[in-house]
Amino acid sequence: AFMPWPTLLPLAAELLAPSGRLIILANEKPPEKPRELPGFRLLDTRAYPSGGRERYFWLLSPEGDPAPVSALR
């Protein structure tokens, strides 16, 4: 919620553990093409209503994560 997700991804990649998870709160659905999330794999997404609009949680893991788990509940 403090910067656009394309700017956040490179910063998070440096800080996230290999088995870590990154949750992004976004105003739009995640990109459909994996190459638009460089260094990350989309595990799950959930929509939720806010202010009369749909917003989204994205759950990402680093590309090299050996055991990605989808866990947005």
Protein backbone atom coordinates (compact mmCIF):
# COMPACT_ATOMS: atom_id res chain seq x y z
CA ALA A 1 0.00 0.00 0.00
CA PHE A 2 3.01 2.29 -0.03
CA MET A 3 4.25 1.95 -3.62
CA PRO A 4 3.18 0.47 -6.96
CA TRP A 5 3.71 -3.28 -7.09
CA PRO A 6 6.15 -3.17 -10.08
CA THR A 7 8.44 -1.01 -7.90
CA LEU A 8 7.93 -3.20 -4.84
CA LEU A 9 8.85 -6.55 -6.43
CA PRO A 10 12.62 -5.93 -6.85
CA LEU A 11 12.86 -4.59 -3.30
CA ALA A 12 10.94 -7.52 -1.85
CA ALA A 13 13.04 -10.02 -3.84
CA GLU A 14 16.14 -8.83 -2.00
CA LEU A 15 14.52 -9.15 1.45
CA LEU A 16 12.33 -12.24 1.15
CA ALA A 17 13.60 -15.63 2.33
CA PRO A 18 13.62 -18.40 -0.33
CA SER A 19 10.51 -19.95 1.24
CA GLY A 20 8.95 -16.58 2.16
CA ARG A 21 5.63 -15.19 1.02
CA LEU A 22 4.73 -11.74 -0.24
CA ILE A 23 1.15 -10.47 -0.03
CA ILE A 24 0.27 -7.53 -2.22
CA LEU A 25 -2.88 -5.47 -1.75
CA ALA A 26 -3.82 -4.13 -5.17
CA ASN A 27 -6.56 -2.25 -6.97
CA GLU A 28 -6.35 -4.61 -9.94
CA LYS A 29 -6.17 -8.33 -10.65
CA PRO A 30 -2.65 -9.73 -10.91
CA PRO A 31 -1.05 -9.92 -14.34
CA GLU A 32 -1.96 -13.00 -16.35
CA LYS A 33 1.53 -13.42 -17.77
CA PRO A 34 4.12 -14.78 -15.30
CA ARG A 35 6.89 -12.71 -16.89
CA GLU A 36 5.16 -9.60 -15.54
CA LEU A 37 6.02 -10.78 -12.00
CA PRO A 38 9.79 -11.24 -12.44
CA GLY A 39 11.35 -13.42 -9.77
CA PHE A 40 7.98 -14.43 -8.32
CA ARG A 41 5.27 -17.01 -8.82
CA LEU A 42 1.60 -16.18 -8.19
CA LEU A 43 0.19 -18.72 -5.73
CA ASP A 44 -3.26 -17.32 -5.10
CA THR A 45 -5.45 -14.25 -5.40
CA ARG A 46 -8.61 -13.15 -3.63
CA ALA A 47 -10.99 -10.30 -4.38
CA TYR A 48 -12.69 -8.31 -1.65
CA PRO A 49 -15.08 -5.35 -1.72
CA SER A 50 -13.86 -1.95 -0.59
CA GLY A 51 -15.42 1.44 -1.18
CA GLY A 52 -17.83 0.06 -3.77
CA ARG A 53 -14.97 -1.48 -5.81
CA GLU A 54 -13.19 -4.79 -5.93
CA ARG A 55 -9.67 -4.89 -4.56
CA TYR A 56 -7.31 -7.84 -4.49
CA PHE A 57 -4.87 -9.74 -2.33
CA TRP A 58 -2.11 -11.48 -4.27
CA LEU A 59 -0.01 -14.22 -2.67
CA LEU A 60 3.43 -14.57 -4.24
CA SER A 61 6.43 -16.79 -3.58
CA PRO A 62 9.96 -16.50 -4.92
CA GLU A 63 10.40 -18.42 -8.21
CA GLY A 64 12.95 -20.75 -6.62
CA ASP A 65 10.68 -21.79 -3.74
CA PRO A 66 10.80 -25.61 -3.69
CA ALA A 67 7.37 -26.09 -2.09
CA PRO A 68 4.92 -23.30 -2.91
CA VAL A 69 1.67 -23.49 -0.95
CA SER A 70 -1.49 -21.57 -1.75
CA ALA A 71 -2.82 -20.24 1.55
CA LEU A 72 -4.96 -17.12 1.30
CA ARG A 73 -7.95 -17.83 3.53
